[in-house]
Amino acid sequence: MAKAKLFQPEEARLLKRIMELDNSRLLRSAIYFGSNSATLLLQMERLIREAASPARKTFRDPQKLISWMSEVATSDEEQRIREIYNAGRPVADITA
């Protein structure tokens, strides 16, 4: 989400609807924000809360993200999660 921008109201409604439709198929989804994007983080947290899935979370701490995703990841998935988030430059959102 490093280059993401705030969503316009219609975009936010669409994203929330997509998340609601995906809730039943989702095991876990983690979105990493790092130390910037405070306003976007707040917007995403609100959308995630409104979409009502405890399987989605936002993170600023990569170690907490790794720990949370590792609870349900296979060994190969966990290794890849650690490679991405221990590198200090997350490049993707991880959905298991």
C-alpha atoms as a PDB file:
ATOM      1  CA  MET A   1       0.000   0.000   0.000  1.00  0.00           C
ATOM      2  CA  ALA A   2       3.045   2.249  -0.201  1.00  0.00           C
ATOM      3  CA  LYS A   3       1.756   4.160  -3.231  1.00  0.00           C
ATOM      4  CA  ALA A   4      -1.952   3.961  -2.459  1.00  0.00           C
ATOM      5  CA  LYS A   5      -4.024   7.093  -2.087  1.00  0.00           C
ATOM      6  CA  LEU A   6      -7.169   7.822  -0.146  1.00  0.00           C
ATOM      7  CA  PHE A   7     -10.232   6.341  -1.748  1.00  0.00           C
ATOM      8  CA  GLN A   8     -12.977   8.608  -3.004  1.00  0.00           C
ATOM      9  CA  PRO A   9     -16.379   7.881  -1.382  1.00  0.00           C
ATOM     10  CA  GLU A  10     -17.651   5.797  -4.326  1.00  0.00           C
ATOM     11  CA  GLU A  11     -14.377   3.839  -4.482  1.00  0.00           C
ATOM     12  CA  ALA A  12     -14.550   3.198  -0.736  1.00  0.00           C
ATOM     13  CA  ARG A  13     -18.139   1.912  -1.005  1.00  0.00           C
ATOM     14  CA  LEU A  14     -17.123  -0.416  -3.840  1.00  0.00           C
ATOM     15  CA  LEU A  15     -14.108  -1.742  -1.933  1.00  0.00           C
ATOM     16  CA  LYS A  16     -16.235  -2.338   1.162  1.00  0.00           C
ATOM     17  CA  ARG A  17     -18.782  -4.235  -0.946  1.00  0.00           C
ATOM     18  CA  ILE A  18     -16.046  -6.376  -2.494  1.00  0.00           C
ATOM     19  CA  MET A  19     -14.679  -7.167   0.973  1.00  0.00           C
ATOM     20  CA  GLU A  20     -18.172  -8.102   2.193  1.00  0.00           C
ATOM     21  CA  LEU A  21     -18.640 -10.462  -0.752  1.00  0.00           C
ATOM     22  CA  ASP A  22     -15.247 -12.079  -0.101  1.00  0.00           C
ATOM     23  CA  ASN A  23     -15.739 -12.549   3.653  1.00  0.00           C
ATOM     24  CA  SER A  24     -16.925 -16.151   3.423  1.00  0.00           C
ATOM     25  CA  ARG A  25     -13.975 -17.187   1.239  1.00  0.00           C
ATOM     26  CA  LEU A  26     -11.291 -15.486   3.280  1.00  0.00           C
ATOM     27  CA  LEU A  27      -9.026 -17.295   5.704  1.00  0.00           C
ATOM     28  CA  ARG A  28      -6.843 -14.293   6.585  1.00  0.00           C
ATOM     29  CA  SER A  29      -5.804 -11.057   4.957  1.00  0.00           C
ATOM     30  CA  ALA A  30      -3.125  -8.695   6.251  1.00  0.00           C
ATOM     31  CA  ILE A  31      -2.452  -5.204   4.965  1.00  0.00           C
ATOM     32  CA  TYR A  32       0.852  -3.589   5.936  1.00  0.00           C
ATOM     33  CA  PHE A  33       1.141   0.189   6.214  1.00  0.00           C
ATOM     34  CA  GLY A  34       4.517   0.755   7.833  1.00  0.00           C
ATOM     35  CA  SER A  35       5.114   4.096   9.477  1.00  0.00           C
ATOM     36  CA  ASN A  36       3.368   6.340   6.952  1.00  0.00           C
ATOM     37  CA  SER A  37      -0.074   6.614   5.379  1.00  0.00           C
ATOM     38  CA  ALA A  38      -1.852   7.416   8.666  1.00  0.00           C
ATOM     39  CA  THR A  39      -4.957   8.784   6.945  1.00  0.00           C
ATOM     40  CA  LEU A  40      -5.145   5.857   4.541  1.00  0.00           C
ATOM     41  CA  LEU A  41      -4.656   3.474   7.460  1.00  0.00           C
ATOM     42  CA  LEU A  42      -7.626   5.025   9.256  1.00  0.00           C
ATOM     43  CA  GLN A  43      -9.751   4.773   6.118  1.00  0.00           C
ATOM     44  CA  MET A  44      -8.802   1.133   5.578  1.00  0.00           C
ATOM     45  CA  GLU A  45      -9.412   0.244   9.217  1.00  0.00           C
ATOM     46  CA  ARG A  46     -12.879   1.789   8.961  1.00  0.00           C
ATOM     47  CA  LEU A  47     -13.647  -0.114   5.735  1.00  0.00           C
ATOM     48  CA  ILE A  48     -12.405  -3.376   7.227  1.00  0.00           C
ATOM     49  CA  ARG A  49     -14.450  -2.820  10.393  1.00  0.00           C
ATOM     50  CA  GLU A  50     -17.574  -2.025   8.319  1.00  0.00           C
ATOM     51  CA  ALA A  51     -17.023  -5.089   6.108  1.00  0.00           C
ATOM     52  CA  ALA A  52     -17.264  -7.106   9.335  1.00  0.00           C
ATOM     53  CA  SER A  53     -14.634  -9.795   8.883  1.00  0.00           C
ATOM     54  CA  PRO A  54     -12.295 -10.621  11.771  1.00  0.00           C
ATOM     55  CA  ALA A  55     -10.126 -12.358   9.164  1.00  0.00           C
ATOM     56  CA  ARG A  56      -8.856  -8.986   7.897  1.00  0.00           C
ATOM     57  CA  LYS A  57      -6.398  -6.799   9.781  1.00  0.00           C
ATOM     58  CA  THR A  58      -4.113  -3.862   9.165  1.00  0.00           C
ATOM     59  CA  PHE A  59      -0.577  -3.724  10.530  1.00  0.00           C
ATOM     60  CA  ARG A  60       2.157  -1.168  11.094  1.00  0.00           C
ATOM     61  CA  ASP A  61       4.508  -3.680  12.724  1.00  0.00           C
ATOM     62  CA  PRO A  62       5.752  -6.356  10.290  1.00  0.00           C
ATOM     63  CA  GLN A  63       6.524  -8.777  13.136  1.00  0.00           C
ATOM     64  CA  LYS A  64       2.916  -8.682  14.320  1.00  0.00           C
ATOM     65  CA  LEU A  65       1.762  -9.280  10.743  1.00  0.00           C
ATOM     66  CA  ILE A  66       4.138 -12.243  10.425  1.00  0.00           C
ATOM     67  CA  SER A  67       2.955 -13.706  13.712  1.00  0.00           C
ATOM     68  CA  TRP A  68      -0.739 -13.327  12.858  1.00  0.00           C
ATOM     69  CA  MET A  69      -0.433 -14.766   9.354  1.00  0.00           C
ATOM     70  CA  SER A  70       1.840 -17.600  10.512  1.00  0.00           C
ATOM     71  CA  GLU A  71      -0.964 -18.958  12.686  1.00  0.00           C
ATOM     72  CA  VAL A  72      -2.752 -20.204   9.545  1.00  0.00           C
ATOM     73  CA  ALA A  73      -0.008 -20.341   6.905  1.00  0.00           C
ATOM     74  CA  THR A  74       1.618 -23.471   5.535  1.00  0.00           C
ATOM     75  CA  SER A  75       5.373 -23.783   6.011  1.00  0.00           C
ATOM     76  CA  ASP A  76       6.020 -22.515   2.480  1.00  0.00           C
ATOM     77  CA  GLU A  77       3.624 -19.594   2.934  1.00  0.00           C
ATOM     78  CA  GLU A  78       5.178 -18.673   6.255  1.00  0.00           C
ATOM     79  CA  GLN A  79       8.649 -18.716   4.733  1.00  0.00           C
ATOM     80  CA  ARG A  80       7.518 -16.380   1.939  1.00  0.00           C
ATOM     81  CA  ILE A  81       5.765 -14.056   4.416  1.00  0.00           C
ATOM     82  CA  ARG A  82       8.978 -13.845   6.437  1.00  0.00           C
ATOM     83  CA  GLU A  83      11.055 -13.167   3.299  1.00  0.00           C
ATOM     84  CA  ILE A  84       8.780 -10.314   2.291  1.00  0.00           C
ATOM     85  CA  TYR A  85       8.278  -8.657   5.661  1.00  0.00           C
ATOM     86  CA  ASN A  86      11.706  -9.219   7.177  1.00  0.00           C
ATOM     87  CA  ALA A  87      13.313  -7.569   4.177  1.00  0.00           C
ATOM     88  CA  GLY A  88      12.201  -4.202   5.530  1.00  0.00           C
ATOM     89  CA  ARG A  89      10.431  -3.268   2.296  1.00  0.00           C
ATOM     90  CA  PRO A  90       7.095  -5.039   2.005  1.00  0.00           C
ATOM     91  CA  VAL A  91       6.096  -5.342  -1.620  1.00  0.00           C
ATOM     92  CA  ALA A  92       2.708  -7.013  -1.427  1.00  0.00           C
ATOM     93  CA  ASP A  93      -0.303  -7.667   0.711  1.00  0.00           C
ATOM     94  CA  ILE A  94      -0.487 -11.248   1.869  1.00  0.00           C
ATOM     95  CA  THR A  95      -3.723 -13.203   1.767  1.00  0.00           C
ATOM     96  CA  ALA A  96      -3.738 -16.818   2.900  1.00  0.00           C
END
